[in-house]
C-alpha atoms as a PDB file:
ATOM      1  CA  UNK A   1       0.000   0.000   0.000  1.00  0.00           C
ATOM      2  CA  UNK A   2       1.309   3.427  -0.948  1.00  0.00           C
ATOM      3  CA  UNK A   3       0.749   6.292   1.490  1.00  0.00           C
ATOM      4  CA  UNK A   4       1.311   9.860   0.346  1.00  0.00           C
ATOM      5  CA  UNK A   5       3.202  11.872   2.987  1.00  0.00           C
ATOM      6  CA  UNK A   6       3.893  15.037   0.984  1.00  0.00           C
ATOM      7  CA  UNK A   7       4.987  16.419  -2.353  1.00  0.00           C
ATOM      8  CA  UNK A   8       8.161  17.752  -3.911  1.00  0.00           C
ATOM      9  CA  UNK A   9       7.297  20.213  -6.679  1.00  0.00           C
ATOM     10  CA  UNK A  10       9.024  20.234 -10.056  1.00  0.00           C
ATOM     11  CA  UNK A  11       9.599  17.741 -12.808  1.00  0.00           C
ATOM     12  CA  UNK A  12      13.394  17.464 -12.820  1.00  0.00           C
ATOM     13  CA  UNK A  13      15.634  14.870 -11.231  1.00  0.00           C
ATOM     14  CA  UNK A  14      16.230  15.124  -7.481  1.00  0.00           C
ATOM     15  CA  UNK A  15      19.117  14.267  -5.168  1.00  0.00           C
ATOM     16  CA  UNK A  16      18.599  12.419  -1.872  1.00  0.00           C
ATOM     17  CA  UNK A  17      20.635  11.700   1.244  1.00  0.00           C
ATOM     18  CA  UNK A  18      19.686  10.417   4.673  1.00  0.00           C
ATOM     19  CA  UNK A  19      21.049  10.718   8.186  1.00  0.00           C
ATOM     20  CA  UNK A  20      20.000   8.397  11.009  1.00  0.00           C
ATOM     21  CA  UNK A  21      16.444   9.779  11.232  1.00  0.00           C
ATOM     22  CA  UNK A  22      15.755  12.045   8.239  1.00  0.00           C
ATOM     23  CA  UNK A  23      15.684  11.911   4.449  1.00  0.00           C
ATOM     24  CA  UNK A  24      16.730  15.034   2.530  1.00  0.00           C
ATOM     25  CA  UNK A  25      15.493  15.677  -1.004  1.00  0.00           C
ATOM     26  CA  UNK A  26      17.037  18.416  -3.138  1.00  0.00           C
ATOM     27  CA  UNK A  27      14.961  19.483  -6.129  1.00  0.00           C
ATOM     28  CA  UNK A  28      15.495  22.160  -8.760  1.00  0.00           C
ATOM     29  CA  UNK A  29      14.569  25.057  -6.471  1.00  0.00           C
ATOM     30  CA  UNK A  30      14.465  23.942  -2.836  1.00  0.00           C
ATOM     31  CA  UNK A  31      15.400  21.399  -0.203  1.00  0.00           C
ATOM     32  CA  UNK A  32      12.965  19.158   1.632  1.00  0.00           C
ATOM     33  CA  UNK A  33      13.238  16.920   4.671  1.00  0.00           C
ATOM     34  CA  UNK A  34      11.170  13.917   5.677  1.00  0.00           C
ATOM     35  CA  UNK A  35      10.965  12.188   9.036  1.00  0.00           C
ATOM     36  CA  UNK A  36       9.123   9.248   7.466  1.00  0.00           C
ATOM     37  CA  UNK A  37       5.644  10.563   8.142  1.00  0.00           C
ATOM     38  CA  UNK A  38       5.766  14.059   6.595  1.00  0.00           C
ATOM     39  CA  UNK A  39       7.705  15.993   3.965  1.00  0.00           C
ATOM     40  CA  UNK A  40       8.405  19.672   4.554  1.00  0.00           C
ATOM     41  CA  UNK A  41      10.478  22.363   2.913  1.00  0.00           C
ATOM     42  CA  UNK A  42      13.756  23.214   4.651  1.00  0.00           C
ATOM     43  CA  UNK A  43      12.807  26.624   6.014  1.00  0.00           C
ATOM     44  CA  UNK A  44      16.083  27.645   7.694  1.00  0.00           C
ATOM     45  CA  UNK A  45      17.211  30.993   6.247  1.00  0.00           C
ATOM     46  CA  UNK A  46      20.814  29.722   6.021  1.00  0.00           C
ATOM     47  CA  UNK A  47      19.879  26.869   3.644  1.00  0.00           C
ATOM     48  CA  UNK A  48      20.837  27.650   0.043  1.00  0.00           C
ATOM     49  CA  UNK A  49      19.673  26.240  -3.293  1.00  0.00           C
ATOM     50  CA  UNK A  50      21.932  23.291  -3.983  1.00  0.00           C
ATOM     51  CA  UNK A  51      22.845  20.932  -6.780  1.00  0.00           C
ATOM     52  CA  UNK A  52      23.490  17.800  -4.768  1.00  0.00           C
ATOM     53  CA  UNK A  53      23.659  16.312  -1.294  1.00  0.00           C
ATOM     54  CA  UNK A  54      25.589  13.595   0.521  1.00  0.00           C
ATOM     55  CA  UNK A  55      25.715  12.036   4.002  1.00  0.00           C
ATOM     56  CA  UNK A  56      29.002  11.943   5.919  1.00  0.00           C
ATOM     57  CA  UNK A  57      29.385  11.370   9.682  1.00  0.00           C
ATOM     58  CA  UNK A  58      25.758  12.359  10.425  1.00  0.00           C
ATOM     59  CA  UNK A  59      26.047  15.636   8.497  1.00  0.00           C
ATOM     60  CA  UNK A  60      24.195  16.238   5.239  1.00  0.00           C
ATOM     61  CA  UNK A  61      26.503  18.167   2.892  1.00  0.00           C
ATOM     62  CA  UNK A  62      25.278  20.200  -0.089  1.00  0.00           C
ATOM     63  CA  UNK A  63      26.986  21.737  -3.126  1.00  0.00           C
ATOM     64  CA  UNK A  64      25.841  25.346  -3.462  1.00  0.00           C
ATOM     65  CA  UNK A  65      24.517  26.287  -6.886  1.00  0.00           C
ATOM     66  CA  UNK A  66      26.770  28.460  -9.126  1.00  0.00           C
ATOM     67  CA  UNK A  67      29.589  28.758  -6.571  1.00  0.00           C
ATOM     68  CA  UNK A  68      32.646  26.836  -5.394  1.00  0.00           C
ATOM     69  CA  UNK A  69      31.097  26.483  -1.930  1.00  0.00           C
ATOM     70  CA  UNK A  70      29.548  23.557  -0.118  1.00  0.00           C
ATOM     71  CA  UNK A  71      27.753  23.673   3.202  1.00  0.00           C
ATOM     72  CA  UNK A  72      26.367  21.305   5.799  1.00  0.00           C
ATOM     73  CA  UNK A  73      23.494  20.743   8.146  1.00  0.00           C
ATOM     74  CA  UNK A  74      23.903  20.775  11.884  1.00  0.00           C
ATOM     75  CA  UNK A  75      24.964  17.419  13.291  1.00  0.00           C
ATOM     76  CA  UNK A  76      22.074  14.907  12.957  1.00  0.00           C
ATOM     77  CA  UNK A  77      19.570  17.673  12.114  1.00  0.00           C
ATOM     78  CA  UNK A  78      18.805  18.265   8.436  1.00  0.00           C
ATOM     79  CA  UNK A  79      16.368  21.060   9.323  1.00  0.00           C
ATOM     80  CA  UNK A  80      18.985  23.302  10.977  1.00  0.00           C
ATOM     81  CA  UNK A  81      21.829  25.238   9.289  1.00  0.00           C
ATOM     82  CA  UNK A  82      24.441  27.779  10.386  1.00  0.00           C
ATOM     83  CA  UNK A  83      25.643  30.437   7.941  1.00  0.00           C
ATOM     84  CA  UNK A  84      29.240  29.687   9.031  1.00  0.00           C
ATOM     85  CA  UNK A  85      29.050  25.949   8.251  1.00  0.00           C
ATOM     86  CA  UNK A  86      30.576  26.054   4.779  1.00  0.00           C
ATOM     87  CA  UNK A  87      33.883  25.639   2.953  1.00  0.00           C
ATOM     88  CA  UNK A  88      35.118  26.249  -0.571  1.00  0.00           C
ATOM     89  CA  UNK A  89      36.689  23.923  -3.085  1.00  0.00           C
ATOM     90  CA  UNK A  90      39.407  26.352  -4.088  1.00  0.00           C
ATOM     91  CA  UNK A  91      42.298  24.423  -5.601  1.00  0.00           C
ATOM     92  CA  UNK A  92      40.914  25.442  -9.022  1.00  0.00           C
ATOM     93  CA  UNK A  93      38.749  28.473  -9.902  1.00  0.00           C
ATOM     94  CA  UNK A  94      35.736  26.520 -11.192  1.00  0.00           C
ATOM     95  CA  UNK A  95      32.234  26.226  -9.744  1.00  0.00           C
ATOM     96  CA  UNK A  96      30.935  23.077  -8.078  1.00  0.00           C
ATOM     97  CA  UNK A  97      28.468  21.014 -10.086  1.00  0.00           C
ATOM     98  CA  UNK A  98      27.497  18.366  -7.515  1.00  0.00           C
ATOM     99  CA  UNK A  99      28.710  16.386  -4.503  1.00  0.00           C
ATOM    100  CA  UNK A 100      29.038  12.698  -3.600  1.00  0.00           C
ATOM    101  CA  UNK A 101      30.274  10.705  -0.610  1.00  0.00           C
ATOM    102  CA  UNK A 102      32.941   8.019  -0.869  1.00  0.00           C
ATOM    103  CA  UNK A 103      34.712   6.313   2.050  1.00  0.00           C
ATOM    104  CA  UNK A 104      33.691   9.116   4.446  1.00  0.00           C
ATOM    105  CA  UNK A 105      35.053  11.761   2.087  1.00  0.00           C
ATOM    106  CA  UNK A 106      33.118  14.454   0.259  1.00  0.00           C
ATOM    107  CA  UNK A 107      33.773  14.274  -3.476  1.00  0.00           C
ATOM    108  CA  UNK A 108      33.277  17.841  -4.722  1.00  0.00           C
ATOM    109  CA  UNK A 109      32.796  17.740  -8.485  1.00  0.00           C
ATOM    110  CA  UNK A 110      33.487  21.006 -10.310  1.00  0.00           C
ATOM    111  CA  UNK A 111      33.221  21.923 -13.957  1.00  0.00           C
ATOM    112  CA  UNK A 112      36.949  21.338 -14.559  1.00  0.00           C
ATOM    113  CA  UNK A 113      38.296  19.835 -11.317  1.00  0.00           C
ATOM    114  CA  UNK A 114      37.322  17.641  -8.372  1.00  0.00           C
ATOM    115  CA  UNK A 115      38.367  17.906  -4.736  1.00  0.00           C
ATOM    116  CA  UNK A 116      38.197  15.442  -1.860  1.00  0.00           C
ATOM    117  CA  UNK A 117      37.355  16.813   1.607  1.00  0.00           C
ATOM    118  CA  UNK A 118      37.108  14.969   4.934  1.00  0.00           C
ATOM    119  CA  UNK A 119      35.880  15.482   8.480  1.00  0.00           C
ATOM    120  CA  UNK A 120      38.859  16.760  10.484  1.00  0.00           C
ATOM    121  CA  UNK A 121      36.982  16.495  13.779  1.00  0.00           C
ATOM    122  CA  UNK A 122      37.610  20.199  14.419  1.00  0.00           C
ATOM    123  CA  UNK A 123      35.187  22.707  15.865  1.00  0.00           C
ATOM    124  CA  UNK A 124      32.815  24.734  13.695  1.00  0.00           C
ATOM    125  CA  UNK A 125      32.476  23.313  10.192  1.00  0.00           C
ATOM    126  CA  UNK A 126      34.857  20.339  10.461  1.00  0.00           C
ATOM    127  CA  UNK A 127      35.501  19.616   6.757  1.00  0.00           C
ATOM    128  CA  UNK A 128      38.721  20.427   4.889  1.00  0.00           C
ATOM    129  CA  UNK A 129      40.552  19.276   1.761  1.00  0.00           C
ATOM    130  CA  UNK A 130      42.376  15.957   1.906  1.00  0.00           C
ATOM    131  CA  UNK A 131      46.128  16.433   1.393  1.00  0.00           C
ATOM    132  CA  UNK A 132      46.731  15.783  -2.317  1.00  0.00           C
ATOM    133  CA  UNK A 133      42.943  15.570  -2.757  1.00  0.00           C
ATOM    134  CA  UNK A 134      42.767  17.560  -6.006  1.00  0.00           C
ATOM    135  CA  UNK A 135      41.889  15.944  -9.350  1.00  0.00           C
ATOM    136  CA  UNK A 136      42.322  17.822 -12.621  1.00  0.00           C
ATOM    137  CA  UNK A 137      39.076  16.483 -14.073  1.00  0.00           C
ATOM    138  CA  UNK A 138      35.582  17.743 -13.350  1.00  0.00           C
ATOM    139  CA  UNK A 139      32.160  16.344 -14.162  1.00  0.00           C
ATOM    140  CA  UNK A 140      30.128  16.841 -17.346  1.00  0.00           C
ATOM    141  CA  UNK A 141      26.783  17.393 -15.580  1.00  0.00           C
ATOM    142  CA  UNK A 142      24.937  17.530 -12.280  1.00  0.00           C
ATOM    143  CA  UNK A 143      23.415  14.045 -12.492  1.00  0.00           C
ATOM    144  CA  UNK A 144      26.334  12.240 -14.130  1.00  0.00           C
ATOM    145  CA  UNK A 145      27.786  10.355 -11.162  1.00  0.00           C
ATOM    146  CA  UNK A 146      26.766   7.065  -9.551  1.00  0.00           C
ATOM    147  CA  UNK A 147      28.007   4.755  -6.814  1.00  0.00           C
ATOM    148  CA  UNK A 148      28.826   1.154  -7.636  1.00  0.00           C
ATOM    149  CA  UNK A 149      31.320  -1.507  -6.548  1.00  0.00           C
ATOM    150  CA  UNK A 150      32.377   0.459  -3.442  1.00  0.00           C
ATOM    151  CA  UNK A 151      33.391   3.511  -5.489  1.00  0.00           C
ATOM    152  CA  UNK A 152      32.117   6.562  -7.384  1.00  0.00           C
ATOM    153  CA  UNK A 153      31.871   6.590 -11.177  1.00  0.00           C
ATOM    154  CA  UNK A 154      31.303   9.749 -13.229  1.00  0.00           C
ATOM    155  CA  UNK A 155      31.272  11.176 -16.714  1.00  0.00           C
ATOM    156  CA  UNK A 156      34.283  13.455 -16.529  1.00  0.00           C
ATOM    157  CA  UNK A 157      34.676  16.888 -18.082  1.00  0.00           C
ATOM    158  CA  UNK A 158      36.866  15.333 -20.811  1.00  0.00           C
ATOM    159  CA  UNK A 159      33.941  13.011 -21.763  1.00  0.00           C
ATOM    160  CA  UNK A 160      35.577   9.867 -20.382  1.00  0.00           C
ATOM    161  CA  UNK A 161      33.971   7.681 -17.722  1.00  0.00           C
ATOM    162  CA  UNK A 162      36.091   7.571 -14.555  1.00  0.00           C
ATOM    163  CA  UNK A 163      36.166   5.534 -11.365  1.00  0.00           C
ATOM    164  CA  UNK A 164      37.549   7.071  -8.199  1.00  0.00           C
ATOM    165  CA  UNK A 165      40.332   4.903  -6.769  1.00  0.00           C
ATOM    166  CA  UNK A 166      41.679   6.723  -3.713  1.00  0.00           C
ATOM    167  CA  UNK A 167      42.562  10.091  -5.238  1.00  0.00           C
ATOM    168  CA  UNK A 168      43.033   8.744  -8.767  1.00  0.00           C
ATOM    169  CA  UNK A 169      40.390   9.196 -11.500  1.00  0.00           C
ATOM    170  CA  UNK A 170      40.874   5.848 -13.282  1.00  0.00           C
ATOM    171  CA  UNK A 171      39.593   5.772 -16.878  1.00  0.00           C
ATOM    172  CA  UNK A 172      37.086   2.920 -17.286  1.00  0.00           C
ATOM    173  CA  UNK A 173      35.451   3.806 -20.614  1.00  0.00           C
ATOM    174  CA  UNK A 174      36.718   2.471 -23.912  1.00  0.00           C
ATOM    175  CA  UNK A 175      37.352   4.504 -27.088  1.00  0.00           C
ATOM    176  CA  UNK A 176      34.113   3.616 -28.862  1.00  0.00           C
ATOM    177  CA  UNK A 177      32.050   4.916 -25.945  1.00  0.00           C
ATOM    178  CA  UNK A 178      34.248   8.013 -25.672  1.00  0.00           C
ATOM    179  CA  UNK A 179      33.790   8.817 -29.386  1.00  0.00           C
ATOM    180  CA  UNK A 180      30.013   8.637 -28.922  1.00  0.00           C
ATOM    181  CA  UNK A 181      30.192  10.782 -25.769  1.00  0.00           C
ATOM    182  CA  UNK A 182      32.396  13.414 -27.415  1.00  0.00           C
ATOM    183  CA  UNK A 183      29.521  14.704 -29.545  1.00  0.00           C
ATOM    184  CA  UNK A 184      26.568  13.631 -27.395  1.00  0.00           C
ATOM    185  CA  UNK A 185      23.982  16.146 -26.235  1.00  0.00           C
ATOM    186  CA  UNK A 186      24.007  15.695 -22.461  1.00  0.00           C
ATOM    187  CA  UNK A 187      20.858  17.719 -21.834  1.00  0.00           C
ATOM    188  CA  UNK A 188      18.793  15.692 -19.391  1.00  0.00           C
ATOM    189  CA  UNK A 189      21.474  12.982 -19.102  1.00  0.00           C
ATOM    190  CA  UNK A 190      21.957  11.106 -15.853  1.00  0.00           C
ATOM    191  CA  UNK A 191      24.097   8.248 -14.575  1.00  0.00           C
ATOM    192  CA  UNK A 192      22.955   5.089 -12.875  1.00  0.00           C
ATOM    193  CA  UNK A 193      24.680   1.934 -11.736  1.00  0.00           C
ATOM    194  CA  UNK A 194      23.601  -1.582 -12.673  1.00  0.00           C
END
């Protein structure tokens, strides 16, 4: 039996992440949180429109739209945000496209580069870049990454498919696929794992 608990407006793809008691849904224009019985818009004034979300160490992290910044919820509370709980992927001057989680690290995909950040355990916003956690490949679109086989796969900015192995973007696509991707219209494209 299906029970309707709320609605998320829009017709585009959404991102989802969950902490121990809440599910977060990020749509085209807003963020929503569900406790399992209701769905409500994230009303905190410090929440910003985002292009992705990920769960790490009971924080929900979000990539902020059209910036190099990412921000996080309060610990174990996806309804509460602090304006100072943010950091910037700044090894390269590109904007973030989306975010993923891999082995307790935030994978911050930009248009031309990717950075890995981790929870330092410090006070305030505890996330910072992993030493040597800068990749010189970005992502080709907001919905073009997927988790599979204990790793993250993505369509990179150079139109190759990559698998994250530590801090190495290992090429996993073959030339025939890459030739097709080189001229493909990626409007509305998304990745999934099978």
